[in-house]
N, C-alpha and C. Protein backbone atom coordinates (compact mmCIF):
# COMPACT_ATOMS: atom_id res chain seq x y z
N MET A 1 -7.67 -73.73 75.68
CA MET A 1 -6.75 -72.40 76.15
C MET A 1 -5.17 -73.08 76.25
N THR A 2 -5.33 -74.63 75.94
CA THR A 2 -3.73 -75.17 75.56
C THR A 2 -3.13 -74.24 74.10
N ARG A 3 -4.23 -74.50 73.28
CA ARG A 3 -3.77 -74.07 72.21
C ARG A 3 -3.41 -72.43 71.97
N LEU A 4 -4.12 -71.88 72.74
CA LEU A 4 -3.23 -70.40 72.68
C LEU A 4 -2.29 -70.32 73.74
N ARG A 5 -2.18 -71.16 74.72
CA ARG A 5 -0.61 -70.96 75.51
C ARG A 5 0.43 -71.57 74.59
N SER A 6 -0.07 -72.54 73.65
CA SER A 6 1.04 -73.01 72.70
C SER A 6 1.44 -72.01 71.61
N TYR A 7 0.14 -71.27 71.23
CA TYR A 7 0.71 -70.13 70.29
C TYR A 7 1.63 -69.17 70.83
N PHE A 8 1.33 -68.83 71.96
CA PHE A 8 2.22 -67.73 72.71
C PHE A 8 3.68 -68.18 72.83
N ARG A 9 3.58 -69.49 73.25
CA ARG A 9 5.10 -69.83 73.31
C ARG A 9 5.79 -70.01 72.15
N SER A 10 5.11 -70.27 70.79
CA SER A 10 5.62 -70.11 69.49
C SER A 10 6.07 -69.03 69.07
N ILE A 11 5.32 -67.86 69.57
CA ILE A 11 5.72 -66.60 69.04
C ILE A 11 7.39 -66.13 69.56
N ARG A 12 8.06 -65.69 68.66
CA ARG A 12 9.47 -64.87 69.19
C ARG A 12 9.14 -63.86 69.61
N TRP A 13 9.52 -63.45 70.63
CA TRP A 13 9.42 -62.27 71.34
C TRP A 13 10.65 -61.52 71.36
N PHE A 14 10.44 -60.06 70.83
CA PHE A 14 11.70 -59.25 70.95
C PHE A 14 11.61 -58.41 72.00
N HIS A 15 12.70 -58.07 72.78
CA HIS A 15 12.49 -56.81 73.94
C HIS A 15 13.02 -55.63 73.31
N ILE A 16 11.91 -54.70 73.61
CA ILE A 16 12.15 -53.30 73.29
C ILE A 16 12.11 -52.54 74.38
N PRO A 17 12.97 -51.55 74.54
CA PRO A 17 12.93 -50.66 75.80
C PRO A 17 11.73 -50.42 76.07
N PHE A 18 11.26 -49.96 77.33
CA PHE A 18 9.75 -49.62 77.63
C PHE A 18 9.79 -47.96 77.22
N GLY A 19 10.58 -47.57 77.28
CA GLY A 19 10.34 -46.06 76.81
C GLY A 19 10.05 -45.84 75.24
N VAL A 20 10.94 -46.69 74.69
CA VAL A 20 10.58 -46.54 73.11
C VAL A 20 9.35 -46.73 72.73
N GLY A 21 8.91 -47.96 73.52
CA GLY A 21 7.36 -48.43 73.06
C GLY A 21 6.34 -47.18 73.31
N ILE A 22 6.54 -46.55 74.67
CA ILE A 22 5.59 -45.57 75.06
C ILE A 22 6.06 -44.64 74.37
N GLY A 23 7.20 -44.31 73.93
CA GLY A 23 7.26 -42.86 72.90
C GLY A 23 6.86 -43.24 71.57
N TYR A 24 6.69 -44.20 71.16
CA TYR A 24 6.06 -44.59 69.68
C TYR A 24 4.72 -44.42 69.81
N LEU A 25 3.79 -44.95 70.73
CA LEU A 25 2.53 -44.87 71.08
C LEU A 25 2.00 -43.41 71.19
N CYS A 26 2.77 -42.68 72.15
CA CYS A 26 2.75 -41.09 71.86
C CYS A 26 2.81 -40.60 70.46
N PHE A 27 3.85 -40.73 70.14
CA PHE A 27 4.12 -40.26 68.81
C PHE A 27 2.82 -40.57 67.58
N GLN A 28 2.19 -41.67 67.82
CA GLN A 28 1.19 -42.03 67.05
C GLN A 28 -0.03 -41.43 67.38
N GLN A 29 -0.07 -41.24 68.94
CA GLN A 29 -1.42 -40.43 69.11
C GLN A 29 -1.54 -38.97 68.95
N PHE A 30 -0.07 -38.45 68.73
CA PHE A 30 0.10 -37.13 68.60
C PHE A 30 -0.28 -37.01 67.15
N ARG A 31 0.29 -37.93 66.16
CA ARG A 31 -0.15 -37.80 64.58
C ARG A 31 -1.59 -37.70 64.40
N HIS A 32 -2.47 -38.60 65.36
CA HIS A 32 -3.81 -38.62 65.02
C HIS A 32 -4.50 -37.70 65.44
N THR A 33 -4.22 -37.22 66.81
CA THR A 33 -4.87 -35.86 67.26
C THR A 33 -4.57 -34.92 66.36
N ARG A 34 -3.23 -34.59 65.74
CA ARG A 34 -2.91 -33.52 65.07
C ARG A 34 -3.81 -33.45 63.84
N LYS A 35 -3.91 -34.55 62.99
CA LYS A 35 -4.81 -34.73 61.76
C LYS A 35 -6.33 -34.51 62.30
N ARG A 36 -6.48 -34.81 63.53
CA ARG A 36 -8.25 -34.41 63.62
C ARG A 36 -8.22 -33.21 63.83
N GLU A 37 -7.63 -32.32 64.81
CA GLU A 37 -7.48 -31.13 65.18
C GLU A 37 -7.50 -30.20 63.54
N ARG A 38 -6.42 -30.62 62.87
CA ARG A 38 -6.26 -29.76 61.71
C ARG A 38 -7.76 -29.95 60.82
N ALA A 39 -8.25 -31.13 60.76
CA ALA A 39 -9.76 -31.25 60.05
C ALA A 39 -10.35 -30.30 60.60
N LYS A 40 -10.64 -30.27 62.18
CA LYS A 40 -11.74 -29.53 62.76
C LYS A 40 -11.35 -28.11 62.43
N LEU A 41 -10.24 -27.70 62.41
CA LEU A 41 -10.07 -26.18 62.13
C LEU A 41 -10.32 -25.88 60.87
N ALA A 42 -9.82 -26.77 59.86
CA ALA A 42 -10.48 -26.01 58.59
C ALA A 42 -11.79 -26.07 58.17
N THR A 43 -12.65 -26.52 58.97
CA THR A 43 -14.46 -26.34 58.99
C THR A 43 -14.67 -25.41 60.17
N MET A 44 -13.89 -24.96 60.60
CA MET A 44 -14.31 -23.85 61.89
C MET A 44 -14.53 -22.51 61.30
N PRO A 45 -15.50 -21.58 61.71
CA PRO A 45 -15.53 -20.51 61.11
C PRO A 45 -14.48 -19.40 61.51
N ARG A 46 -13.85 -18.34 61.39
CA ARG A 46 -12.94 -17.58 61.78
C ARG A 46 -13.07 -17.15 63.06
N GLU A 47 -14.27 -16.61 63.49
CA GLU A 47 -14.75 -16.20 64.88
C GLU A 47 -13.88 -16.91 66.08
N GLU A 48 -14.44 -18.25 65.68
CA GLU A 48 -14.20 -19.25 66.69
C GLU A 48 -12.67 -19.58 66.85
N LEU A 49 -11.74 -19.21 65.78
CA LEU A 49 -10.41 -19.57 66.03
C LEU A 49 -9.69 -18.61 67.23
N THR A 50 -10.37 -17.81 67.68
CA THR A 50 -9.55 -16.91 68.70
C THR A 50 -9.36 -17.72 70.10
N MET A 51 -8.61 -17.47 70.78
CA MET A 51 -8.46 -18.34 72.12
C MET A 51 -9.61 -17.96 73.46
N LYS A 52 -9.96 -18.90 73.50
CA LYS A 52 -11.06 -19.11 74.50
C LYS A 52 -10.42 -18.39 75.96
N GLU A 53 -11.37 -17.77 76.65
CA GLU A 53 -10.68 -17.05 78.05
C GLU A 53 -10.15 -18.15 78.82
N TRP A 54 -10.85 -19.57 79.00
CA TRP A 54 -10.29 -20.11 80.01
C TRP A 54 -8.89 -20.78 79.50
N LYS A 55 -8.59 -20.59 78.33
CA LYS A 55 -7.14 -21.20 77.93
C LYS A 55 -6.23 -20.04 78.09
N VAL A 56 -6.60 -18.90 77.99
CA VAL A 56 -5.68 -17.76 78.39
C VAL A 56 -5.63 -17.75 79.93
N SER A 57 -6.73 -18.06 80.68
CA SER A 57 -6.38 -18.19 81.95
C SER A 57 -5.23 -19.69 82.42
N VAL A 58 -5.50 -20.33 81.75
CA VAL A 58 -4.47 -21.71 81.97
C VAL A 58 -3.30 -21.04 82.02
N LEU A 59 -3.13 -20.56 80.71
CA LEU A 59 -1.70 -20.28 80.09
C LEU A 59 -1.03 -18.91 81.01
N LYS A 60 -1.71 -18.18 81.59
CA LYS A 60 -1.37 -17.31 82.53
C LYS A 60 -0.81 -18.07 84.07
N ARG A 61 -1.47 -19.03 84.36
CA ARG A 61 -0.95 -19.55 85.67
C ARG A 61 0.25 -20.66 85.31
N LEU A 62 0.63 -20.93 84.04
CA LEU A 62 1.71 -21.92 83.96
C LEU A 62 3.05 -21.31 84.55
N PRO A 63 4.11 -22.11 84.83
CA PRO A 63 5.12 -21.76 85.20
C PRO A 63 5.89 -21.39 84.18
N THR A 64 5.94 -20.17 83.56
CA THR A 64 6.53 -19.81 82.11
C THR A 64 8.02 -19.63 82.27
N ASN A 65 8.52 -19.00 83.51
CA ASN A 65 9.96 -18.69 83.30
C ASN A 65 10.56 -20.07 83.32
N LEU A 66 10.03 -21.09 84.40
CA LEU A 66 10.72 -22.57 84.30
C LEU A 66 10.72 -23.27 82.92
N LEU A 67 9.49 -23.17 82.35
CA LEU A 67 9.22 -23.96 81.33
C LEU A 67 9.96 -23.16 80.26
N SER A 68 10.10 -22.21 80.02
CA SER A 68 10.99 -21.21 78.83
C SER A 68 12.80 -21.53 79.07
N ARG A 69 12.90 -21.62 80.59
CA ARG A 69 14.44 -21.73 80.54
C ARG A 69 14.54 -23.33 80.35
N THR A 70 13.79 -24.33 80.78
CA THR A 70 14.20 -25.67 80.39
C THR A 70 13.96 -26.00 78.83
N TRP A 71 12.97 -25.43 78.34
CA TRP A 71 12.87 -25.59 76.97
C TRP A 71 14.28 -24.91 75.98
N GLY A 72 14.36 -23.60 76.68
CA GLY A 72 15.79 -22.95 75.91
C GLY A 72 17.06 -23.98 76.38
N ARG A 73 17.46 -24.60 77.32
CA ARG A 73 18.56 -25.46 77.75
C ARG A 73 18.37 -26.62 76.56
N LEU A 74 17.10 -27.12 76.74
CA LEU A 74 17.02 -28.28 75.57
C LEU A 74 17.32 -27.89 74.30
N GLN A 75 16.74 -26.76 73.74
CA GLN A 75 17.30 -26.33 72.57
C GLN A 75 18.67 -25.85 72.19
N ASP A 76 19.14 -25.40 73.20
CA ASP A 76 20.66 -25.26 73.12
C ASP A 76 21.81 -26.45 73.28
N ALA A 77 21.40 -27.37 73.37
CA ALA A 77 22.02 -28.91 73.70
C ALA A 77 22.74 -29.09 72.32
N ARG A 78 23.85 -29.24 72.26
CA ARG A 78 24.71 -29.70 70.99
C ARG A 78 24.08 -30.86 70.72
N LEU A 79 23.78 -31.28 69.47
CA LEU A 79 23.41 -32.56 68.90
C LEU A 79 24.30 -33.35 68.17
N PRO A 80 24.66 -34.66 68.77
CA PRO A 80 25.59 -35.38 67.88
C PRO A 80 25.26 -35.62 66.52
N ARG A 81 26.07 -35.50 65.52
CA ARG A 81 25.71 -35.53 63.98
C ARG A 81 24.87 -36.32 63.35
N TRP A 82 24.87 -37.65 64.21
CA TRP A 82 23.52 -38.46 63.19
C TRP A 82 22.19 -38.04 63.66
N LEU A 83 22.35 -37.37 64.78
CA LEU A 83 20.93 -36.94 65.94
C LEU A 83 20.31 -35.87 64.89
N ARG A 84 21.07 -34.90 64.32
CA ARG A 84 20.59 -33.66 64.07
C ARG A 84 19.61 -33.73 62.90
N LYS A 85 19.71 -34.47 61.94
CA LYS A 85 18.80 -34.73 60.66
C LYS A 85 17.55 -35.17 61.15
N PRO A 86 17.43 -36.40 62.07
CA PRO A 86 16.24 -36.77 62.35
C PRO A 86 15.51 -35.81 63.47
N LEU A 87 15.99 -35.27 64.41
CA LEU A 87 15.59 -34.42 65.43
C LEU A 87 14.99 -33.04 64.72
N ILE A 88 15.73 -32.42 63.98
CA ILE A 88 15.71 -30.91 63.38
C ILE A 88 14.30 -31.54 62.37
N GLY A 89 14.43 -32.41 61.76
CA GLY A 89 13.58 -32.79 60.60
C GLY A 89 12.01 -32.95 61.16
N SER A 90 12.07 -33.40 62.74
CA SER A 90 10.75 -33.62 63.26
C SER A 90 10.46 -32.28 63.60
N HIS A 91 11.30 -31.16 64.13
CA HIS A 91 10.83 -30.16 64.26
C HIS A 91 10.34 -29.14 63.16
N VAL A 92 10.80 -29.62 61.90
CA VAL A 92 10.60 -29.08 60.79
C VAL A 92 9.11 -29.32 60.67
N ARG A 93 8.66 -30.70 60.66
CA ARG A 93 7.51 -31.32 60.29
C ARG A 93 6.53 -30.85 61.56
N VAL A 94 6.63 -30.99 62.69
CA VAL A 94 5.64 -30.30 63.71
C VAL A 94 5.48 -28.67 63.79
N PHE A 95 6.36 -28.09 63.66
CA PHE A 95 6.11 -26.74 63.50
C PHE A 95 5.96 -25.99 62.13
N GLY A 96 5.80 -26.88 60.93
CA GLY A 96 5.64 -26.54 59.46
C GLY A 96 6.62 -25.29 59.08
N CYS A 97 8.06 -25.71 59.25
CA CYS A 97 9.00 -24.88 58.91
C CYS A 97 9.09 -24.93 57.20
N ASP A 98 8.99 -23.68 56.68
CA ASP A 98 9.41 -23.83 55.15
C ASP A 98 10.95 -23.77 54.85
N LEU A 99 11.61 -24.75 54.26
CA LEU A 99 12.79 -24.65 53.86
C LEU A 99 13.23 -24.41 52.50
N SER A 100 12.33 -24.07 51.95
CA SER A 100 12.78 -23.14 50.68
C SER A 100 13.27 -21.91 50.78
N ASP A 101 13.41 -21.02 51.88
CA ASP A 101 13.80 -19.73 51.98
C ASP A 101 15.10 -19.82 52.63
N ILE A 102 15.59 -20.93 53.10
CA ILE A 102 17.03 -20.69 53.92
C ILE A 102 18.34 -21.08 53.01
N GLU A 103 19.06 -20.57 53.57
CA GLU A 103 20.65 -20.42 52.93
C GLU A 103 21.18 -21.88 52.80
N GLU A 104 21.44 -22.47 54.28
CA GLU A 104 21.72 -23.87 54.13
C GLU A 104 20.76 -24.80 54.23
N LYS A 105 20.70 -25.62 53.51
CA LYS A 105 19.71 -26.57 53.33
C LYS A 105 19.92 -27.86 54.07
N ASP A 106 21.36 -28.17 54.09
CA ASP A 106 21.65 -29.47 55.01
C ASP A 106 21.68 -29.09 56.43
N LEU A 107 20.55 -30.05 56.89
CA LEU A 107 20.21 -29.92 58.58
C LEU A 107 21.37 -30.41 59.36
N GLN A 108 22.05 -31.35 58.92
CA GLN A 108 23.13 -31.68 59.80
C GLN A 108 24.41 -30.47 60.00
N SER A 109 24.17 -29.68 59.27
CA SER A 109 25.07 -28.41 59.36
C SER A 109 24.69 -27.52 60.86
N TYR A 110 23.62 -27.60 61.25
CA TYR A 110 23.19 -27.08 62.37
C TYR A 110 23.35 -27.57 63.68
N GLU A 111 24.24 -27.28 64.78
CA GLU A 111 24.57 -27.97 65.69
C GLU A 111 23.67 -28.19 66.87
N THR A 112 22.59 -26.90 66.92
CA THR A 112 21.65 -27.15 67.90
C THR A 112 20.40 -27.00 67.38
N VAL A 113 19.25 -27.06 67.77
CA VAL A 113 17.88 -26.83 67.16
C VAL A 113 17.89 -25.48 67.10
N ASN A 114 18.32 -24.70 68.20
CA ASN A 114 18.36 -22.96 67.91
C ASN A 114 18.86 -22.78 66.94
N ALA A 115 20.24 -23.41 66.73
CA ALA A 115 21.04 -22.47 65.68
C ALA A 115 20.09 -22.72 64.14
N PHE A 116 19.27 -23.91 63.99
CA PHE A 116 18.22 -23.89 62.98
C PHE A 116 17.26 -23.04 63.17
N PHE A 117 16.68 -22.70 64.42
CA PHE A 117 15.46 -21.56 64.31
C PHE A 117 16.12 -20.37 64.11
N MET A 118 17.45 -19.95 64.38
CA MET A 118 17.99 -18.43 64.13
C MET A 118 18.97 -18.72 62.47
N ARG A 119 18.47 -19.32 61.65
CA ARG A 119 19.31 -19.44 60.37
C ARG A 119 19.24 -18.66 59.63
N ARG A 120 19.82 -18.44 58.68
CA ARG A 120 20.09 -17.12 57.85
C ARG A 120 19.18 -17.59 56.55
N LEU A 121 18.67 -16.47 55.87
CA LEU A 121 17.36 -16.86 54.68
C LEU A 121 18.15 -16.30 53.51
N ARG A 122 17.78 -16.88 52.61
CA ARG A 122 18.45 -16.41 51.41
C ARG A 122 18.09 -14.84 51.10
N PRO A 123 18.92 -14.07 50.16
CA PRO A 123 18.57 -12.56 49.90
C PRO A 123 17.35 -12.69 49.38
N ASN A 124 16.75 -11.75 49.83
CA ASN A 124 15.26 -11.39 49.05
C ASN A 124 14.21 -12.49 49.21
N ALA A 125 14.32 -13.43 50.18
CA ALA A 125 13.51 -14.67 50.69
C ALA A 125 12.22 -14.14 51.11
N ARG A 126 12.11 -13.05 51.68
CA ARG A 126 10.76 -12.46 52.69
C ARG A 126 11.10 -11.12 52.54
N PRO A 127 10.57 -10.53 51.41
CA PRO A 127 10.86 -8.94 51.47
C PRO A 127 9.90 -8.59 52.51
N ILE A 128 10.08 -7.11 52.52
CA ILE A 128 9.52 -6.35 53.77
C ILE A 128 8.09 -5.77 53.18
N ASP A 129 7.14 -6.01 53.53
CA ASP A 129 5.89 -5.15 52.90
C ASP A 129 5.94 -3.75 53.34
N LYS A 130 6.11 -2.78 52.57
CA LYS A 130 6.43 -1.43 52.75
C LYS A 130 4.65 -0.82 52.97
N GLN A 131 3.78 -1.29 52.63
CA GLN A 131 2.31 -1.10 53.01
C GLN A 131 1.83 -1.32 54.43
N SER A 132 2.62 -2.35 54.77
CA SER A 132 1.79 -2.87 56.13
C SER A 132 2.21 -2.20 57.43
N ASP A 133 1.14 -1.84 58.13
CA ASP A 133 1.39 -1.09 59.53
C ASP A 133 2.29 -1.57 60.51
N LEU A 134 2.46 -3.09 60.29
CA LEU A 134 2.92 -3.74 61.60
C LEU A 134 3.72 -5.00 60.61
N VAL A 135 5.12 -4.88 60.89
CA VAL A 135 5.87 -5.97 60.39
C VAL A 135 6.88 -6.62 61.38
N SER A 136 6.83 -8.04 61.28
CA SER A 136 7.67 -8.79 62.36
C SER A 136 8.80 -9.51 61.23
N PRO A 137 9.94 -9.38 62.38
CA PRO A 137 10.98 -9.98 61.53
C PRO A 137 11.27 -11.79 61.85
N CYS A 138 10.17 -12.13 62.13
CA CYS A 138 10.12 -13.41 62.61
C CYS A 138 8.72 -14.26 62.13
N ASP A 139 8.68 -15.73 62.15
CA ASP A 139 7.53 -16.21 61.95
C ASP A 139 6.73 -16.53 63.43
N GLY A 140 5.81 -16.57 63.19
CA GLY A 140 5.05 -16.44 64.40
C GLY A 140 3.34 -16.48 64.41
N THR A 141 2.77 -16.87 65.34
CA THR A 141 1.41 -16.97 66.00
C THR A 141 0.80 -15.93 67.00
N PHE A 142 -0.21 -15.19 66.68
CA PHE A 142 -0.78 -14.38 67.61
C PHE A 142 -1.46 -15.34 68.61
N LEU A 143 -1.20 -15.43 69.76
CA LEU A 143 -2.23 -16.40 70.93
C LEU A 143 -3.31 -15.60 71.34
N HIS A 144 -3.26 -14.41 71.63
CA HIS A 144 -4.25 -13.62 72.06
C HIS A 144 -4.24 -12.06 71.47
N CYS A 145 -5.21 -11.40 71.31
CA CYS A 145 -5.09 -9.93 70.77
C CYS A 145 -6.17 -9.33 71.83
N GLY A 146 -5.52 -8.54 72.50
CA GLY A 146 -6.52 -7.60 73.57
C GLY A 146 -6.76 -6.36 73.26
N VAL A 147 -7.75 -5.51 74.16
CA VAL A 147 -7.80 -4.17 73.95
C VAL A 147 -6.74 -3.36 75.00
N VAL A 148 -6.37 -2.36 74.70
CA VAL A 148 -5.69 -1.30 75.72
C VAL A 148 -6.57 -0.70 76.67
N SER A 149 -6.77 -1.01 77.98
CA SER A 149 -7.50 -0.39 78.87
C SER A 149 -7.11 1.09 79.11
N GLN A 150 -8.13 1.88 79.73
CA GLN A 150 -8.16 3.09 79.70
C GLN A 150 -6.63 3.19 80.64
N ALA A 151 -6.06 2.45 81.70
CA ALA A 151 -4.91 2.69 82.66
C ALA A 151 -3.76 2.37 81.37
N GLY A 152 -4.03 1.93 80.14
CA GLY A 152 -2.81 1.91 79.16
C GLY A 152 -2.33 0.38 79.38
N GLU A 153 -3.00 -0.56 79.89
CA GLU A 153 -2.29 -2.00 80.06
C GLU A 153 -3.26 -3.14 79.20
N LEU A 154 -2.29 -3.89 78.79
CA LEU A 154 -2.77 -4.88 77.65
C LEU A 154 -2.69 -6.11 78.36
N GLU A 155 -3.56 -7.12 78.18
CA GLU A 155 -3.50 -8.31 78.73
C GLU A 155 -2.20 -9.19 77.61
N GLN A 156 -1.33 -9.79 78.71
CA GLN A 156 -0.39 -10.51 77.81
C GLN A 156 -0.46 -11.96 78.46
N VAL A 157 -0.25 -13.15 77.62
CA VAL A 157 0.08 -14.10 78.05
C VAL A 157 1.29 -14.59 78.64
N ASP A 158 2.46 -14.12 77.70
CA ASP A 158 4.01 -14.51 78.13
C ASP A 158 4.20 -12.87 78.58
N ARG A 159 4.94 -13.07 79.99
CA ARG A 159 5.35 -11.96 80.43
C ARG A 159 6.96 -11.79 80.60
N LYS A 160 7.61 -10.75 80.27
CA LYS A 160 9.11 -10.65 80.27
C LYS A 160 9.29 -10.06 81.83
N ARG A 161 9.92 -10.63 82.66
CA ARG A 161 10.31 -10.15 84.03
C ARG A 161 11.92 -9.63 84.02
N GLY A 162 12.20 -8.53 84.61
CA GLY A 162 13.67 -8.53 84.69
C GLY A 162 13.72 -7.21 84.92
């Protein structure tokens, strides 16, 4: 017991803020989980990739207006120049953004995260498919695809009120 006690006394301890430590642990857990989930998705059949009904039910019950407004305010916050590249760079990695087709390559030139997501593309970077029945001007993922009912209603996860 005395050896262990003397060992701990001989270690030079560095104090780091509690939040930084927790943030680092969360980041490492996120990376581990994302890697595991990507490996799992690669082996799943296409039919199983659609969203389960319970997930849609949970998404319907979320306070989407509050979450959307809060997220929007965070994305519109002006970033200090030294924080732009690491923060926007982390968004690029997390959301898988393709930087090869943008006009302005310097991430520090975007004052907000929203400014980055509304960036200009190089001319002819993404040509419009003339043969397609549906064309979208943005990158996105369908969360749920439903059938139009007899009443002309379609189940939606995200509703726009107003």
